[in-house]
Amino acid sequence: MADSTVPHFHNTLGVAVIEIGAREFMCIGAEPPFDHPHVFLDMGDATEIICPYCSTLFRFDGALDAHVARPPECSLKQAAA
């Protein structure tokens, strides 16, 4: 189970769209301490979803790794366990 961590993304940059390689992920808004409640989002079969807290539009791109975002700064780097 340790290999299946849920990707976390943020929009500290304030971009209109973040392309990601995951359909299930957490949006945290901005980087702490300016984050919003961490919300789990599931696109299902769709290719886009809007965060209900920060209104960031996330767009799925199957060419990206699950933990990768475009722009890359929007991927929250997880501390090594």
PDB file of N, CA and C in Angstrom:
ATOM      1  N   MET A   1       0.800  -1.194   0.000  1.00  0.00           N
ATOM      2  CA  MET A   1       0.000   0.000   0.000  1.00  0.00           C
ATOM      3  C   MET A   1       0.845   1.262   0.000  1.00  0.00           C
ATOM      4  N   ALA A   2       2.056   1.216   0.476  1.00  0.00           N
ATOM      5  CA  ALA A   2       2.894   2.411   0.537  1.00  0.00           C
ATOM      6  C   ALA A   2       3.183   2.972  -0.848  1.00  0.00           C
ATOM      7  N   ASP A   3       3.118   2.116  -1.872  1.00  0.00           N
ATOM      8  CA  ASP A   3       3.390   2.571  -3.237  1.00  0.00           C
ATOM      9  C   ASP A   3       2.224   3.353  -3.834  1.00  0.00           C
ATOM     10  N   SER A   4       1.058   3.288  -3.215  1.00  0.00           N
ATOM     11  CA  SER A   4      -0.127   3.892  -3.823  1.00  0.00           C
ATOM     12  C   SER A   4      -0.562   5.179  -3.120  1.00  0.00           C
ATOM     13  N   THR A   5       0.384   6.036  -2.805  1.00  0.00           N
ATOM     14  CA  THR A   5       0.027   7.302  -2.183  1.00  0.00           C
ATOM     15  C   THR A   5      -0.770   8.163  -3.164  1.00  0.00           C
ATOM     16  N   VAL A   6      -1.721   8.885  -2.625  1.00  0.00           N
ATOM     17  CA  VAL A   6      -2.566   9.745  -3.441  1.00  0.00           C
ATOM     18  C   VAL A   6      -1.784  11.001  -3.797  1.00  0.00           C
ATOM     19  N   PRO A   7      -1.697  11.333  -5.074  1.00  0.00           N
ATOM     20  CA  PRO A   7      -0.987  12.549  -5.478  1.00  0.00           C
ATOM     21  C   PRO A   7      -1.669  13.800  -4.912  1.00  0.00           C
ATOM     22  N   HIS A   8      -0.861  14.785  -4.534  1.00  0.00           N
ATOM     23  CA  HIS A   8      -1.353  16.062  -4.012  1.00  0.00           C
ATOM     24  C   HIS A   8      -0.885  17.183  -4.943  1.00  0.00           C
ATOM     25  N   PHE A   9      -1.816  18.074  -5.266  1.00  0.00           N
ATOM     26  CA  PHE A   9      -1.502  19.194  -6.143  1.00  0.00           C
ATOM     27  C   PHE A   9      -1.979  20.494  -5.507  1.00  0.00           C
ATOM     28  N   HIS A  10      -1.345  21.593  -5.878  1.00  0.00           N
ATOM     29  CA  HIS A  10      -1.704  22.905  -5.350  1.00  0.00           C
ATOM     30  C   HIS A  10      -1.624  23.932  -6.474  1.00  0.00           C
ATOM     31  N   ASN A  11      -2.253  25.092  -6.235  1.00  0.00           N
ATOM     32  CA  ASN A  11      -2.249  26.148  -7.241  1.00  0.00           C
ATOM     33  C   ASN A  11      -1.710  27.445  -6.646  1.00  0.00           C
ATOM     34  N   THR A  12      -0.577  27.363  -5.999  1.00  0.00           N
ATOM     35  CA  THR A  12       0.062  28.542  -5.432  1.00  0.00           C
ATOM     36  C   THR A  12       0.359  29.574  -6.520  1.00  0.00           C
ATOM     37  N   LEU A  13       0.639  29.106  -7.726  1.00  0.00           N
ATOM     38  CA  LEU A  13       0.938  30.018  -8.840  1.00  0.00           C
ATOM     39  C   LEU A  13      -0.291  30.778  -9.332  1.00  0.00           C
ATOM     40  N   GLY A  14      -1.472  30.257  -9.070  1.00  0.00           N
ATOM     41  CA  GLY A  14      -2.694  30.902  -9.528  1.00  0.00           C
ATOM     42  C   GLY A  14      -2.958  30.738 -11.012  1.00  0.00           C
ATOM     43  N   VAL A  15      -2.554  29.618 -11.586  1.00  0.00           N
ATOM     44  CA  VAL A  15      -2.772  29.371 -13.013  1.00  0.00           C
ATOM     45  C   VAL A  15      -4.220  28.966 -13.268  1.00  0.00           C
ATOM     46  N   ALA A  16      -4.676  29.146 -14.508  1.00  0.00           N
ATOM     47  CA  ALA A  16      -6.055  28.839 -14.860  1.00  0.00           C
ATOM     48  C   ALA A  16      -6.315  27.334 -14.924  1.00  0.00           C
ATOM     49  N   VAL A  17      -5.348  26.565 -15.427  1.00  0.00           N
ATOM     50  CA  VAL A  17      -5.511  25.123 -15.611  1.00  0.00           C
ATOM     51  C   VAL A  17      -4.235  24.418 -15.159  1.00  0.00           C
ATOM     52  N   ILE A  18      -4.423  23.298 -14.464  1.00  0.00           N
ATOM     53  CA  ILE A  18      -3.298  22.432 -14.109  1.00  0.00           C
ATOM     54  C   ILE A  18      -3.545  21.083 -14.761  1.00  0.00           C
ATOM     55  N   GLU A  19      -2.616  20.654 -15.585  1.00  0.00           N
ATOM     56  CA  GLU A  19      -2.705  19.335 -16.208  1.00  0.00           C
ATOM     57  C   GLU A  19      -2.005  18.343 -15.298  1.00  0.00           C
ATOM     58  N   ILE A  20      -2.663  17.204 -15.047  1.00  0.00           N
ATOM     59  CA  ILE A  20      -2.115  16.207 -14.131  1.00  0.00           C
ATOM     60  C   ILE A  20      -2.235  14.812 -14.730  1.00  0.00           C
ATOM     61  N   GLY A  21      -1.444  13.896 -14.211  1.00  0.00           N
ATOM     62  CA  GLY A  21      -1.444  12.517 -14.696  1.00  0.00           C
ATOM     63  C   GLY A  21      -2.251  11.570 -13.836  1.00  0.00           C
ATOM     64  N   ALA A  22      -3.153  12.079 -13.012  1.00  0.00           N
ATOM     65  CA  ALA A  22      -3.979  11.243 -12.140  1.00  0.00           C
ATOM     66  C   ALA A  22      -5.441  11.666 -12.262  1.00  0.00           C
ATOM     67  N   ARG A  23      -6.330  10.705 -12.133  1.00  0.00           N
ATOM     68  CA  ARG A  23      -7.768  11.017 -12.120  1.00  0.00           C
ATOM     69  C   ARG A  23      -8.299  11.102 -10.692  1.00  0.00           C
ATOM     70  N   GLU A  24      -7.545  10.547  -9.739  1.00  0.00           N
ATOM     71  CA  GLU A  24      -7.891  10.623  -8.319  1.00  0.00           C
ATOM     72  C   GLU A  24      -6.732  11.289  -7.601  1.00  0.00           C
ATOM     73  N   PHE A  25      -7.006  12.364  -6.853  1.00  0.00           N
ATOM     74  CA  PHE A  25      -5.924  13.149  -6.263  1.00  0.00           C
ATOM     75  C   PHE A  25      -6.467  14.043  -5.166  1.00  0.00           C
ATOM     76  N   MET A  26      -5.568  14.743  -4.483  1.00  0.00           N
ATOM     77  CA  MET A  26      -5.940  15.711  -3.463  1.00  0.00           C
ATOM     78  C   MET A  26      -5.557  17.102  -3.951  1.00  0.00           C
ATOM     79  N   CYS A  27      -6.480  18.042  -3.793  1.00  0.00           N
ATOM     80  CA  CYS A  27      -6.165  19.447  -4.028  1.00  0.00           C
ATOM     81  C   CYS A  27      -6.037  20.092  -2.660  1.00  0.00           C
ATOM     82  N   ILE A  28      -4.956  20.853  -2.471  1.00  0.00           N
ATOM     83  CA  ILE A  28      -4.754  21.517  -1.185  1.00  0.00           C
ATOM     84  C   ILE A  28      -4.849  23.038  -1.319  1.00  0.00           C
ATOM     85  N   GLY A  29      -5.182  23.527  -2.488  1.00  0.00           N
ATOM     86  CA  GLY A  29      -5.308  24.977  -2.709  1.00  0.00           C
ATOM     87  C   GLY A  29      -3.974  25.603  -3.009  1.00  0.00           C
ATOM     88  N   ALA A  30      -3.322  26.128  -1.983  1.00  0.00           N
ATOM     89  CA  ALA A  30      -1.985  26.712  -2.103  1.00  0.00           C
ATOM     90  C   ALA A  30      -1.070  25.955  -1.141  1.00  0.00           C
ATOM     91  N   GLU A  31       0.209  26.204  -1.255  1.00  0.00           N
ATOM     92  CA  GLU A  31       1.141  25.556  -0.340  1.00  0.00           C
ATOM     93  C   GLU A  31       0.908  26.066   1.090  1.00  0.00           C
ATOM     94  N   PRO A  32       1.057  25.176   2.081  1.00  0.00           N
ATOM     95  CA  PRO A  32       0.913  25.601   3.477  1.00  0.00           C
ATOM     96  C   PRO A  32       1.857  26.748   3.778  1.00  0.00           C
ATOM     97  N   PRO A  33       1.449  27.679   4.565  1.00  0.00           N
ATOM     98  CA  PRO A  33       0.274  27.701   5.440  1.00  0.00           C
ATOM     99  C   PRO A  33      -0.962  28.319   4.803  1.00  0.00           C
ATOM    100  N   PHE A  34      -0.992  28.497   3.504  1.00  0.00           N
ATOM    101  CA  PHE A  34      -2.116  29.138   2.820  1.00  0.00           C
ATOM    102  C   PHE A  34      -3.031  28.129   2.135  1.00  0.00           C
ATOM    103  N   ASP A  35      -2.965  26.881   2.570  1.00  0.00           N
ATOM    104  CA  ASP A  35      -3.768  25.830   1.956  1.00  0.00           C
ATOM    105  C   ASP A  35      -5.220  25.898   2.421  1.00  0.00           C
ATOM    106  N   HIS A  36      -6.095  25.250   1.631  1.00  0.00           N
ATOM    107  CA  HIS A  36      -7.493  25.101   2.043  1.00  0.00           C
ATOM    108  C   HIS A  36      -7.660  23.670   2.541  1.00  0.00           C
ATOM    109  N   PRO A  37      -8.842  23.286   3.061  1.00  0.00           N
ATOM    110  CA  PRO A  37      -9.011  21.881   3.460  1.00  0.00           C
ATOM    111  C   PRO A  37      -8.613  20.961   2.312  1.00  0.00           C
ATOM    112  N   HIS A  38      -7.846  19.957   2.613  1.00  0.00           N
ATOM    113  CA  HIS A  38      -7.367  19.045   1.584  1.00  0.00           C
ATOM    114  C   HIS A  38      -8.533  18.171   1.130  1.00  0.00           C
ATOM    115  N   VAL A  39      -8.901  18.317  -0.127  1.00  0.00           N
ATOM    116  CA  VAL A  39     -10.095  17.657  -0.650  1.00  0.00           C
ATOM    117  C   VAL A  39      -9.698  16.604  -1.683  1.00  0.00           C
ATOM    118  N   PHE A  40     -10.294  15.407  -1.537  1.00  0.00           N
ATOM    119  CA  PHE A  40     -10.070  14.315  -2.480  1.00  0.00           C
ATOM    120  C   PHE A  40     -10.995  14.528  -3.663  1.00  0.00           C
ATOM    121  N   LEU A  41     -10.420  14.525  -4.856  1.00  0.00           N
ATOM    122  CA  LEU A  41     -11.202  14.697  -6.078  1.00  0.00           C
ATOM    123  C   LEU A  41     -11.040  13.470  -6.962  1.00  0.00           C
ATOM    124  N   ASP A  42     -12.134  13.036  -7.558  1.00  0.00           N
ATOM    125  CA  ASP A  42     -12.145  11.860  -8.427  1.00  0.00           C
ATOM    126  C   ASP A  42     -12.832  12.242  -9.735  1.00  0.00           C
ATOM    127  N   MET A  43     -12.090  12.230 -10.832  1.00  0.00           N
ATOM    128  CA  MET A  43     -12.643  12.595 -12.134  1.00  0.00           C
ATOM    129  C   MET A  43     -13.547  11.510 -12.708  1.00  0.00           C
ATOM    130  N   GLY A  44     -13.407  10.288 -12.223  1.00  0.00           N
ATOM    131  CA  GLY A  44     -14.151   9.194 -12.836  1.00  0.00           C
ATOM    132  C   GLY A  44     -13.697   9.021 -14.275  1.00  0.00           C
ATOM    133  N   ASP A  45     -14.639   8.992 -15.205  1.00  0.00           N
ATOM    134  CA  ASP A  45     -14.304   8.860 -16.629  1.00  0.00           C
ATOM    135  C   ASP A  45     -14.076  10.202 -17.317  1.00  0.00           C
ATOM    136  N   ALA A  46     -14.304  11.286 -16.597  1.00  0.00           N
ATOM    137  CA  ALA A  46     -14.140  12.620 -17.180  1.00  0.00           C
ATOM    138  C   ALA A  46     -12.656  12.951 -17.341  1.00  0.00           C
ATOM    139  N   THR A  47     -12.381  14.027 -18.033  1.00  0.00           N
ATOM    140  CA  THR A  47     -10.998  14.463 -18.225  1.00  0.00           C
ATOM    141  C   THR A  47     -10.708  15.781 -17.509  1.00  0.00           C
ATOM    142  N   GLU A  48     -11.745  16.374 -16.881  1.00  0.00           N
ATOM    143  CA  GLU A  48     -11.558  17.629 -16.156  1.00  0.00           C
ATOM    144  C   GLU A  48     -12.407  17.617 -14.892  1.00  0.00           C
ATOM    145  N   ILE A  49     -11.927  18.377 -13.891  1.00  0.00           N
ATOM    146  CA  ILE A  49     -12.696  18.567 -12.667  1.00  0.00           C
ATOM    147  C   ILE A  49     -12.279  19.904 -12.056  1.00  0.00           C
ATOM    148  N   ILE A  50     -13.219  20.567 -11.409  1.00  0.00           N
ATOM    149  CA  ILE A  50     -12.948  21.845 -10.749  1.00  0.00           C
ATOM    150  C   ILE A  50     -12.989  21.628  -9.242  1.00  0.00           C
ATOM    151  N   CYS A  51     -11.974  22.126  -8.552  1.00  0.00           N
ATOM    152  CA  CYS A  51     -11.942  22.033  -7.098  1.00  0.00           C
ATOM    153  C   CYS A  51     -13.046  22.916  -6.527  1.00  0.00           C
ATOM    154  N   PRO A  52     -13.893  22.368  -5.638  1.00  0.00           N
ATOM    155  CA  PRO A  52     -14.976  23.174  -5.083  1.00  0.00           C
ATOM    156  C   PRO A  52     -14.508  24.256  -4.101  1.00  0.00           C
ATOM    157  N   TYR A  53     -13.270  24.177  -3.624  1.00  0.00           N
ATOM    158  CA  TYR A  53     -12.758  25.185  -2.687  1.00  0.00           C
ATOM    159  C   TYR A  53     -12.067  26.343  -3.390  1.00  0.00           C
ATOM    160  N   CYS A  54     -11.141  26.032  -4.310  1.00  0.00           N
ATOM    161  CA  CYS A  54     -10.331  27.096  -4.913  1.00  0.00           C
ATOM    162  C   CYS A  54     -10.654  27.349  -6.383  1.00  0.00           C
ATOM    163  N   SER A  55     -11.568  26.574  -6.939  1.00  0.00           N
ATOM    164  CA  SER A  55     -12.018  26.721  -8.333  1.00  0.00           C
ATOM    165  C   SER A  55     -10.930  26.465  -9.364  1.00  0.00           C
ATOM    166  N   THR A  56      -9.871  25.756  -8.968  1.00  0.00           N
ATOM    167  CA  THR A  56      -8.837  25.377  -9.929  1.00  0.00           C
ATOM    168  C   THR A  56      -9.377  24.305 -10.863  1.00  0.00           C
ATOM    169  N   LEU A  57      -9.141  24.473 -12.152  1.00  0.00           N
ATOM    170  CA  LEU A  57      -9.517  23.467 -13.140  1.00  0.00           C
ATOM    171  C   LEU A  57      -8.347  22.503 -13.317  1.00  0.00           C
ATOM    172  N   PHE A  58      -8.589  21.233 -13.049  1.00  0.00           N
ATOM    173  CA  PHE A  58      -7.595  20.190 -13.254  1.00  0.00           C
ATOM    174  C   PHE A  58      -7.983  19.410 -14.498  1.00  0.00           C
ATOM    175  N   ARG A  59      -7.011  19.187 -15.377  1.00  0.00           N
ATOM    176  CA  ARG A  59      -7.244  18.467 -16.638  1.00  0.00           C
ATOM    177  C   ARG A  59      -6.335  17.243 -16.680  1.00  0.00           C
ATOM    178  N   PHE A  60      -6.908  16.081 -16.943  1.00  0.00           N
ATOM    179  CA  PHE A  60      -6.141  14.835 -17.017  1.00  0.00           C
ATOM    180  C   PHE A  60      -5.338  14.761 -18.303  1.00  0.00           C
ATOM    181  N   ASP A  61      -4.078  14.346 -18.176  1.00  0.00           N
ATOM    182  CA  ASP A  61      -3.201  14.092 -19.327  1.00  0.00           C
ATOM    183  C   ASP A  61      -2.540  12.745 -19.081  1.00  0.00           C
ATOM    184  N   GLY A  62      -2.982  11.728 -19.784  1.00  0.00           N
ATOM    185  CA  GLY A  62      -2.488  10.365 -19.612  1.00  0.00           C
ATOM    186  C   GLY A  62      -1.021  10.187 -19.930  1.00  0.00           C
ATOM    187  N   ALA A  63      -0.409  11.153 -20.569  1.00  0.00           N
ATOM    188  CA  ALA A  63       1.022  11.069 -20.878  1.00  0.00           C
ATOM    189  C   ALA A  63       1.883  11.409 -19.658  1.00  0.00           C
ATOM    190  N   LEU A  64       1.271  11.994 -18.626  1.00  0.00           N
ATOM    191  CA  LEU A  64       2.015  12.377 -17.427  1.00  0.00           C
ATOM    192  C   LEU A  64       1.964  11.270 -16.379  1.00  0.00           C
ATOM    193  N   ASP A  65       2.999  11.162 -15.570  1.00  0.00           N
ATOM    194  CA  ASP A  65       3.004  10.259 -14.428  1.00  0.00           C
ATOM    195  C   ASP A  65       1.949  10.758 -13.435  1.00  0.00           C
ATOM    196  N   ALA A  66       1.419   9.867 -12.602  1.00  0.00           N
ATOM    197  CA  ALA A  66       0.344  10.208 -11.664  1.00  0.00           C
ATOM    198  C   ALA A  66       0.702  11.349 -10.715  1.00  0.00           C
ATOM    199  N   HIS A  67       1.969  11.501 -10.374  1.00  0.00           N
ATOM    200  CA  HIS A  67       2.390  12.531  -9.421  1.00  0.00           C
ATOM    201  C   HIS A  67       2.972  13.776 -10.099  1.00  0.00           C
ATOM    202  N   VAL A  68       2.798  13.873 -11.410  1.00  0.00           N
ATOM    203  CA  VAL A  68       3.382  14.979 -12.174  1.00  0.00           C
ATOM    204  C   VAL A  68       2.286  15.951 -12.598  1.00  0.00           C
ATOM    205  N   ALA A  69       2.615  17.227 -12.547  1.00  0.00           N
ATOM    206  CA  ALA A  69       1.696  18.279 -12.981  1.00  0.00           C
ATOM    207  C   ALA A  69       2.378  19.149 -14.019  1.00  0.00           C
ATOM    208  N   ARG A  70       1.555  19.827 -14.786  1.00  0.00           N
ATOM    209  CA  ARG A  70       2.044  20.836 -15.714  1.00  0.00           C
ATOM    210  C   ARG A  70       1.279  22.107 -15.432  1.00  0.00           C
ATOM    211  N   PRO A  71       1.828  23.135 -14.877  1.00  0.00           N
ATOM    212  CA  PRO A  71       3.247  23.354 -14.597  1.00  0.00           C
ATOM    213  C   PRO A  71       3.742  22.479 -13.440  1.00  0.00           C
ATOM    214  N   PRO A  72       5.003  22.053 -13.525  1.00  0.00           N
ATOM    215  CA  PRO A  72       5.551  21.114 -12.528  1.00  0.00           C
ATOM    216  C   PRO A  72       5.561  21.652 -11.105  1.00  0.00           C
ATOM    217  N   GLU A  73       5.577  22.956 -10.929  1.00  0.00           N
ATOM    218  CA  GLU A  73       5.588  23.545  -9.574  1.00  0.00           C
ATOM    219  C   GLU A  73       4.287  23.259  -8.824  1.00  0.00           C
ATOM    220  N   CYS A  74       3.245  22.813  -9.510  1.00  0.00           N
ATOM    221  CA  CYS A  74       1.943  22.571  -8.880  1.00  0.00           C
ATOM    222  C   CYS A  74       1.814  21.185  -8.246  1.00  0.00           C
ATOM    223  N   SER A  75       2.831  20.374  -8.385  1.00  0.00           N
ATOM    224  CA  SER A  75       2.851  19.063  -7.743  1.00  0.00           C
ATOM    225  C   SER A  75       3.461  19.209  -6.359  1.00  0.00           C
ATOM    226  N   LEU A  76       2.725  18.779  -5.326  1.00  0.00           N
ATOM    227  CA  LEU A  76       3.236  18.870  -3.967  1.00  0.00           C
ATOM    228  C   LEU A  76       4.221  17.740  -3.743  1.00  0.00           C
ATOM    229  N   LYS A  77       5.429  18.088  -3.428  1.00  0.00           N
ATOM    230  CA  LYS A  77       6.472  17.085  -3.184  1.00  0.00           C
ATOM    231  C   LYS A  77       6.254  16.466  -1.819  1.00  0.00           C
ATOM    232  N   GLN A  78       6.073  15.142  -1.796  1.00  0.00           N
ATOM    233  CA  GLN A  78       5.843  14.429  -0.540  1.00  0.00           C
ATOM    234  C   GLN A  78       7.174  14.135   0.132  1.00  0.00           C
ATOM    235  N   ALA A  79       7.217  14.281   1.428  1.00  0.00           N
ATOM    236  CA  ALA A  79       8.433  13.957   2.196  1.00  0.00           C
ATOM    237  C   ALA A  79       8.676  12.459   2.121  1.00  0.00           C
ATOM    238  N   ALA A  80       9.935  12.088   1.988  1.00  0.00           N
ATOM    239  CA  ALA A  80      10.291  10.676   1.923  1.00  0.00           C
ATOM    240  C   ALA A  80      10.013  10.013   3.270  1.00  0.00           C
ATOM    241  N   ALA A  81       9.388   8.857   3.227  1.00  0.00           N
ATOM    242  CA  ALA A  81       9.057   8.142   4.461  1.00  0.00           C
ATOM    243  C   ALA A  81      10.204   7.269   4.924  1.00  0.00           C
TER     244      ALA A  81
END
